Structure formats: structure tokens, C-alpha cells
Amino acid sequence: MRTPKAIKRLVDILAALPGIGPRQAVRLAFYLIRQGKSSQKELEEAIASLQLVGICSRCFYIHEGEGLCEICADEKRDKSIIAIVEKETDLMSIESTGKFKGRFLVLGEFGRGGLLEADQKLKLKSLRSWITKELGGKAKEIIVAFNPNTQGDFLATQITKELEGVAEKTTRLGMGIPSGGEIEFADEETLGSALERRN
């Protein structure tokens, strides 16, 4: 039996999403069909509205509109304390603790090679330039907020070298998140504790 082209196309798109394989993509496609046209229309509108989302020119976090995101535009935040995170979801998790009042830099997901990609190096270069221009060459603190695993530790060492000389101190999140755990999935209390105990 031939699969309709519209379903096949949707399955291909869904299967390309992180964490979704071909079988799950087929299930999702049929689920969306069973939901009916009003639900499909709602999904279509939600996807279309993603065109209004931009990337912050300073920290590379997503937000509605152009220019700076809410965090970078907030004058009450201490811009001399910078947390470098891998993913947007890590930033969201740290923000949800209410214990961090600095600014961020979202590097982007790490590849499997264990080395910084060209665009990640450009983001670090952009941060270095911003620190030189806006903070007179030195940040108060740079927090390398990566998952506590082998890759996170290795990349934290690379980043510390890349940003050598532009911060009074460079720290990592403290104990609280178990080794091999992920920031994105840590509860607010554990993550808040890790922020407070950074070293």
C-alpha cells in the first residue's frame, strides 16, 4: 500500500527532529491526522509564528523581534558576570532558579568530536570583543555552565583558554548536579545550589 505524499513528507520532517526516529515520526503523523483540521490549523499557525522569533545579537538566545533579548536589554542585570551555556534550554533552566542576575552566552549544541565548532569560536570572539569594549577588558566573572560530564569538562578547559585574560575569575557550576547529569533536567533547587557553590 502506497503512503500518501503529504504523510510521507511530514514523516520525513518529523524524523529529522532530535530524539524522534522514523517509527515515532509515523505515529506522530497519524496522531496529527486523527486530531482533525482545527488542531492541524492551530499547529500550522504555531509553526508560522516561529518566523517572528529572532536571535539576540549579544547572547544568541532566541526571542521575539530583533536586536537584544529581554535579558540583555535589562539594565538591572549585572553584565560583568557572564554564564556561558551550551543550549537555550540550559539558559531557561538557570533563569528559572531566580538566582542568576548576570548575562549569558549561548554557544550552541556541541558536536561529537569534542572540539569547538567554527561558529562557537566566533561567538567566543564576539564575547571577548564585547568585554573589551563594554567592560574595559575585564569581566568580573565568567561561569562556564556546562553539563558535568567528560565532554563538558574538556570544552570548559578549551573555553577557559580561549577567554584567558578577559575575566577576574572563571568558574564552573558547583556540586549538586550529578556527574553525567544535564543542566536542562536538573530541578530548580539543585541548579540553584550549583550556582551558589560555583568555584
C-alpha atoms as a PDB file:
ATOM      1  CA  MET A   1       0.000   0.000   0.000  1.00  0.00           C
ATOM      2  CA  ARG A   2       1.402   3.404  -1.006  1.00  0.00           C
ATOM      3  CA  THR A   3       1.651   6.130   1.626  1.00  0.00           C
ATOM      4  CA  PRO A   4       0.159   9.478   0.560  1.00  0.00           C
ATOM      5  CA  LYS A   5       2.876  12.007  -0.357  1.00  0.00           C
ATOM      6  CA  ALA A   6       1.671  14.512   2.278  1.00  0.00           C
ATOM      7  CA  ILE A   7       2.123  11.940   5.059  1.00  0.00           C
ATOM      8  CA  LYS A   8       5.497  10.790   3.763  1.00  0.00           C
ATOM      9  CA  ARG A   9       6.735  14.396   3.660  1.00  0.00           C
ATOM     10  CA  LEU A  10       5.529  15.046   7.215  1.00  0.00           C
ATOM     11  CA  VAL A  11       7.124  11.810   8.454  1.00  0.00           C
ATOM     12  CA  ASP A  12      10.468  12.815   6.864  1.00  0.00           C
ATOM     13  CA  ILE A  13      10.341  16.227   8.581  1.00  0.00           C
ATOM     14  CA  LEU A  14       9.365  14.778  11.967  1.00  0.00           C
ATOM     15  CA  ALA A  15      12.004  12.025  11.777  1.00  0.00           C
ATOM     16  CA  ALA A  16      14.703  14.697  11.349  1.00  0.00           C
ATOM     17  CA  LEU A  17      13.809  16.232  14.737  1.00  0.00           C
ATOM     18  CA  PRO A  18      16.123  15.384  17.673  1.00  0.00           C
ATOM     19  CA  GLY A  19      15.016  12.327  19.642  1.00  0.00           C
ATOM     20  CA  ILE A  20      12.408  11.232  17.100  1.00  0.00           C
ATOM     21  CA  GLY A  21      13.063   8.194  14.944  1.00  0.00           C
ATOM     22  CA  PRO A  22      11.176   7.012  11.847  1.00  0.00           C
ATOM     23  CA  ARG A  23       8.638   4.870  13.762  1.00  0.00           C
ATOM     24  CA  GLN A  24       7.788   7.618  16.224  1.00  0.00           C
ATOM     25  CA  ALA A  25       7.502  10.063  13.298  1.00  0.00           C
ATOM     26  CA  VAL A  26       4.910   7.792  11.650  1.00  0.00           C
ATOM     27  CA  ARG A  27       2.943   7.592  14.914  1.00  0.00           C
ATOM     28  CA  LEU A  28       3.026  11.384  15.300  1.00  0.00           C
ATOM     29  CA  ALA A  29       1.905  11.905  11.707  1.00  0.00           C
ATOM     30  CA  PHE A  30      -1.117   9.650  12.166  1.00  0.00           C
ATOM     31  CA  TYR A  31      -1.863  11.255  15.542  1.00  0.00           C
ATOM     32  CA  LEU A  32      -1.958  14.690  13.838  1.00  0.00           C
ATOM     33  CA  ILE A  33      -4.295  13.341  11.141  1.00  0.00           C
ATOM     34  CA  ARG A  34      -6.663  11.941  13.781  1.00  0.00           C
ATOM     35  CA  GLN A  35      -6.767  15.305  15.620  1.00  0.00           C
ATOM     36  CA  GLY A  36      -8.723  16.877  12.783  1.00  0.00           C
ATOM     37  CA  LYS A  37      -8.423  20.052  10.776  1.00  0.00           C
ATOM     38  CA  SER A  38      -8.825  22.563  13.625  1.00  0.00           C
ATOM     39  CA  SER A  39      -5.854  21.080  15.537  1.00  0.00           C
ATOM     40  CA  GLN A  40      -3.830  20.920  12.320  1.00  0.00           C
ATOM     41  CA  LYS A  41      -4.628  24.590  11.665  1.00  0.00           C
ATOM     42  CA  GLU A  42      -3.544  25.509  15.195  1.00  0.00           C
ATOM     43  CA  LEU A  43      -0.238  23.669  14.695  1.00  0.00           C
ATOM     44  CA  GLU A  44       0.235  25.346  11.320  1.00  0.00           C
ATOM     45  CA  GLU A  45      -0.266  28.796  12.899  1.00  0.00           C
ATOM     46  CA  ALA A  46       2.127  27.996  15.758  1.00  0.00           C
ATOM     47  CA  ILE A  47       4.824  26.942  13.276  1.00  0.00           C
ATOM     48  CA  ALA A  48       4.181  30.021  11.109  1.00  0.00           C
ATOM     49  CA  SER A  49       4.610  32.272  14.171  1.00  0.00           C
ATOM     50  CA  LEU A  50       8.196  30.973  14.538  1.00  0.00           C
ATOM     51  CA  GLN A  51       9.066  33.447  11.782  1.00  0.00           C
ATOM     52  CA  LEU A  52       8.650  36.194  14.406  1.00  0.00           C
ATOM     53  CA  VAL A  53      11.395  34.650  16.542  1.00  0.00           C
ATOM     54  CA  GLY A  54      14.869  36.139  16.234  1.00  0.00           C
ATOM     55  CA  ILE A  55      18.280  35.501  17.777  1.00  0.00           C
ATOM     56  CA  CYS A  56      19.743  38.001  20.237  1.00  0.00           C
ATOM     57  CA  SER A  57      22.690  39.815  18.702  1.00  0.00           C
ATOM     58  CA  ARG A  58      24.579  39.701  22.008  1.00  0.00           C
ATOM     59  CA  CYS A  59      23.935  36.354  23.736  1.00  0.00           C
ATOM     60  CA  PHE A  60      22.458  34.343  20.814  1.00  0.00           C
ATOM     61  CA  TYR A  61      19.338  33.371  22.773  1.00  0.00           C
ATOM     62  CA  ILE A  62      16.027  33.223  20.917  1.00  0.00           C
ATOM     63  CA  HIS A  63      13.391  35.915  21.445  1.00  0.00           C
ATOM     64  CA  GLU A  64      10.560  37.675  19.666  1.00  0.00           C
ATOM     65  CA  GLY A  65      11.710  40.551  17.494  1.00  0.00           C
ATOM     66  CA  GLU A  66      15.142  41.820  16.522  1.00  0.00           C
ATOM     67  CA  GLY A  67      18.132  43.189  18.407  1.00  0.00           C
ATOM     68  CA  LEU A  68      18.604  42.294  22.072  1.00  0.00           C
ATOM     69  CA  CYS A  69      16.613  39.767  24.081  1.00  0.00           C
ATOM     70  CA  GLU A  70      14.864  40.703  27.359  1.00  0.00           C
ATOM     71  CA  ILE A  71      17.827  39.535  29.450  1.00  0.00           C
ATOM     72  CA  CYS A  72      20.479  41.505  27.548  1.00  0.00           C
ATOM     73  CA  ALA A  73      18.248  44.605  27.387  1.00  0.00           C
ATOM     74  CA  ASP A  74      17.599  44.553  31.159  1.00  0.00           C
ATOM     75  CA  GLU A  75      19.694  47.360  32.697  1.00  0.00           C
ATOM     76  CA  LYS A  76      19.241  45.914  36.207  1.00  0.00           C
ATOM     77  CA  ARG A  77      21.287  42.810  35.405  1.00  0.00           C
ATOM     78  CA  ASP A  78      24.998  42.633  36.223  1.00  0.00           C
ATOM     79  CA  LYS A  79      26.533  42.436  32.758  1.00  0.00           C
ATOM     80  CA  SER A  80      30.016  41.866  34.209  1.00  0.00           C
ATOM     81  CA  ILE A  81      29.013  38.326  35.271  1.00  0.00           C
ATOM     82  CA  ILE A  82      28.541  36.078  32.233  1.00  0.00           C
ATOM     83  CA  ALA A  83      27.298  32.489  32.167  1.00  0.00           C
ATOM     84  CA  ILE A  84      28.279  30.508  29.078  1.00  0.00           C
ATOM     85  CA  VAL A  85      25.803  27.718  28.333  1.00  0.00           C
ATOM     86  CA  GLU A  86      25.522  25.112  25.619  1.00  0.00           C
ATOM     87  CA  LYS A  87      21.793  25.262  24.804  1.00  0.00           C
ATOM     88  CA  GLU A  88      18.815  27.594  25.122  1.00  0.00           C
ATOM     89  CA  THR A  89      17.170  25.071  27.453  1.00  0.00           C
ATOM     90  CA  ASP A  90      20.180  25.363  29.808  1.00  0.00           C
ATOM     91  CA  LEU A  91      19.680  29.148  29.909  1.00  0.00           C
ATOM     92  CA  MET A  92      15.967  28.662  30.626  1.00  0.00           C
ATOM     93  CA  SER A  93      16.757  26.242  33.465  1.00  0.00           C
ATOM     94  CA  ILE A  94      19.255  28.643  35.069  1.00  0.00           C
ATOM     95  CA  GLU A  95      16.833  31.570  34.697  1.00  0.00           C
ATOM     96  CA  SER A  96      14.055  29.570  36.381  1.00  0.00           C
ATOM     97  CA  THR A  97      16.120  29.398  39.614  1.00  0.00           C
ATOM     98  CA  GLY A  98      15.878  33.194  40.007  1.00  0.00           C
ATOM     99  CA  LYS A  99      19.415  33.135  41.467  1.00  0.00           C
ATOM    100  CA  PHE A 100      21.426  34.363  38.492  1.00  0.00           C
ATOM    101  CA  LYS A 101      21.338  38.075  37.669  1.00  0.00           C
ATOM    102  CA  GLY A 102      24.104  38.300  35.066  1.00  0.00           C
ATOM    103  CA  ARG A 103      24.052  37.875  31.292  1.00  0.00           C
ATOM    104  CA  PHE A 104      24.512  34.796  29.114  1.00  0.00           C
ATOM    105  CA  LEU A 105      26.219  33.460  26.025  1.00  0.00           C
ATOM    106  CA  VAL A 106      24.542  30.520  24.264  1.00  0.00           C
ATOM    107  CA  LEU A 107      27.262  28.608  22.393  1.00  0.00           C
ATOM    108  CA  GLY A 108      25.073  26.069  20.612  1.00  0.00           C
ATOM    109  CA  GLU A 109      24.979  22.299  20.881  1.00  0.00           C
ATOM    110  CA  PHE A 110      28.314  20.521  20.995  1.00  0.00           C
ATOM    111  CA  GLY A 111      29.281  18.095  18.264  1.00  0.00           C
ATOM    112  CA  ARG A 112      30.561  14.633  18.997  1.00  0.00           C
ATOM    113  CA  GLY A 113      34.138  15.491  18.054  1.00  0.00           C
ATOM    114  CA  GLY A 114      34.746  17.187  21.397  1.00  0.00           C
ATOM    115  CA  LEU A 115      36.101  20.364  19.812  1.00  0.00           C
ATOM    116  CA  LEU A 116      34.583  23.813  19.451  1.00  0.00           C
ATOM    117  CA  GLU A 117      32.959  24.436  16.061  1.00  0.00           C
ATOM    118  CA  ALA A 118      33.866  27.490  13.942  1.00  0.00           C
ATOM    119  CA  ASP A 119      30.611  29.310  14.815  1.00  0.00           C
ATOM    120  CA  GLN A 120      31.155  28.649  18.531  1.00  0.00           C
ATOM    121  CA  LYS A 121      34.634  30.159  18.305  1.00  0.00           C
ATOM    122  CA  LEU A 122      33.109  33.207  16.586  1.00  0.00           C
ATOM    123  CA  LYS A 123      30.634  33.585  19.461  1.00  0.00           C
ATOM    124  CA  LEU A 124      33.506  33.489  21.959  1.00  0.00           C
ATOM    125  CA  LYS A 125      35.395  36.052  19.880  1.00  0.00           C
ATOM    126  CA  SER A 126      32.271  38.246  19.904  1.00  0.00           C
ATOM    127  CA  LEU A 127      32.108  37.928  23.716  1.00  0.00           C
ATOM    128  CA  ARG A 128      35.789  38.820  24.053  1.00  0.00           C
ATOM    129  CA  SER A 129      35.259  41.928  21.884  1.00  0.00           C
ATOM    130  CA  TRP A 130      32.176  42.925  23.899  1.00  0.00           C
ATOM    131  CA  ILE A 131      34.099  42.572  27.181  1.00  0.00           C
ATOM    132  CA  THR A 132      36.934  44.710  25.784  1.00  0.00           C
ATOM    133  CA  LYS A 133      34.571  47.403  24.509  1.00  0.00           C
ATOM    134  CA  GLU A 134      31.879  47.482  27.221  1.00  0.00           C
ATOM    135  CA  LEU A 135      33.723  46.378  30.362  1.00  0.00           C
ATOM    136  CA  GLY A 136      37.142  47.872  29.736  1.00  0.00           C
ATOM    137  CA  GLY A 137      38.729  44.491  29.033  1.00  0.00           C
ATOM    138  CA  LYS A 138      37.742  42.516  32.148  1.00  0.00           C
ATOM    139  CA  ALA A 139      34.554  40.789  33.236  1.00  0.00           C
ATOM    140  CA  LYS A 140      34.044  40.235  36.959  1.00  0.00           C
ATOM    141  CA  GLU A 141      33.310  36.545  36.416  1.00  0.00           C
ATOM    142  CA  ILE A 142      32.738  34.074  33.607  1.00  0.00           C
ATOM    143  CA  ILE A 143      30.764  30.981  34.629  1.00  0.00           C
ATOM    144  CA  VAL A 144      31.254  28.011  32.321  1.00  0.00           C
ATOM    145  CA  ALA A 145      27.892  26.304  32.912  1.00  0.00           C
ATOM    146  CA  PHE A 146      28.223  23.016  31.044  1.00  0.00           C
ATOM    147  CA  ASN A 147      26.927  19.557  31.864  1.00  0.00           C
ATOM    148  CA  PRO A 148      29.223  17.780  34.355  1.00  0.00           C
ATOM    149  CA  ASN A 149      30.494  15.078  32.017  1.00  0.00           C
ATOM    150  CA  THR A 150      33.726  14.331  30.161  1.00  0.00           C
ATOM    151  CA  GLN A 151      32.832  16.439  27.117  1.00  0.00           C
ATOM    152  CA  GLY A 152      31.629  19.351  29.272  1.00  0.00           C
ATOM    153  CA  ASP A 153      34.846  19.269  31.319  1.00  0.00           C
ATOM    154  CA  PHE A 154      37.031  19.124  28.210  1.00  0.00           C
ATOM    155  CA  LEU A 155      35.220  22.004  26.486  1.00  0.00           C
ATOM    156  CA  ALA A 156      35.257  24.073  29.686  1.00  0.00           C
ATOM    157  CA  THR A 157      39.056  23.810  29.637  1.00  0.00           C
ATOM    158  CA  GLN A 158      39.141  24.927  25.989  1.00  0.00           C
ATOM    159  CA  ILE A 159      36.887  27.900  26.690  1.00  0.00           C
ATOM    160  CA  THR A 160      38.902  28.956  29.719  1.00  0.00           C
ATOM    161  CA  LYS A 161      41.955  29.115  27.407  1.00  0.00           C
ATOM    162  CA  GLU A 162      40.017  30.954  24.671  1.00  0.00           C
ATOM    163  CA  LEU A 163      38.907  33.631  27.150  1.00  0.00           C
ATOM    164  CA  GLU A 164      42.125  33.854  29.132  1.00  0.00           C
ATOM    165  CA  GLY A 165      42.787  37.345  30.437  1.00  0.00           C
ATOM    166  CA  VAL A 166      39.260  38.770  29.984  1.00  0.00           C
ATOM    167  CA  ALA A 167      37.830  37.890  33.417  1.00  0.00           C
ATOM    168  CA  GLU A 168      38.914  38.337  37.011  1.00  0.00           C
ATOM    169  CA  LYS A 169      37.875  34.728  37.554  1.00  0.00           C
ATOM    170  CA  THR A 170      36.436  31.825  35.579  1.00  0.00           C
ATOM    171  CA  THR A 171      34.236  29.373  37.487  1.00  0.00           C
ATOM    172  CA  ARG A 172      32.231  26.176  36.944  1.00  0.00           C
ATOM    173  CA  LEU A 173      28.937  25.167  38.497  1.00  0.00           C
ATOM    174  CA  GLY A 174      29.421  23.662  41.966  1.00  0.00           C
ATOM    175  CA  MET A 175      28.425  20.269  43.241  1.00  0.00           C
ATOM    176  CA  GLY A 176      24.756  19.469  43.115  1.00  0.00           C
ATOM    177  CA  ILE A 177      24.259  18.246  39.562  1.00  0.00           C
ATOM    178  CA  PRO A 178      25.410  14.614  39.473  1.00  0.00           C
ATOM    179  CA  SER A 179      28.298  13.671  37.204  1.00  0.00           C
ATOM    180  CA  GLY A 180      26.885  12.787  33.793  1.00  0.00           C
ATOM    181  CA  GLY A 181      23.670  14.726  34.530  1.00  0.00           C
ATOM    182  CA  GLU A 182      22.230  17.509  32.372  1.00  0.00           C
ATOM    183  CA  ILE A 183      21.523  21.107  33.392  1.00  0.00           C
ATOM    184  CA  GLU A 184      18.310  21.111  31.365  1.00  0.00           C
ATOM    185  CA  PHE A 185      16.787  18.364  33.551  1.00  0.00           C
ATOM    186  CA  ALA A 186      18.049  19.487  36.970  1.00  0.00           C
ATOM    187  CA  ASP A 187      15.398  20.732  39.388  1.00  0.00           C
ATOM    188  CA  GLU A 188      15.474  24.407  40.409  1.00  0.00           C
ATOM    189  CA  GLU A 189      16.776  23.726  43.924  1.00  0.00           C
ATOM    190  CA  THR A 190      19.685  21.556  42.739  1.00  0.00           C
ATOM    191  CA  LEU A 191      20.608  24.000  39.982  1.00  0.00           C
ATOM    192  CA  GLY A 192      20.299  26.980  42.344  1.00  0.00           C
ATOM    193  CA  SER A 193      22.619  25.215  44.779  1.00  0.00           C
ATOM    194  CA  ALA A 194      25.118  24.501  41.985  1.00  0.00           C
ATOM    195  CA  LEU A 195      25.076  28.214  41.042  1.00  0.00           C
ATOM    196  CA  GLU A 196      25.691  29.314  44.629  1.00  0.00           C
ATOM    197  CA  ARG A 197      28.545  26.826  45.129  1.00  0.00           C
ATOM    198  CA  ARG A 198      30.334  27.572  41.862  1.00  0.00           C
ATOM    199  CA  ASN A 199      34.122  27.687  42.061  1.00  0.00           C
END
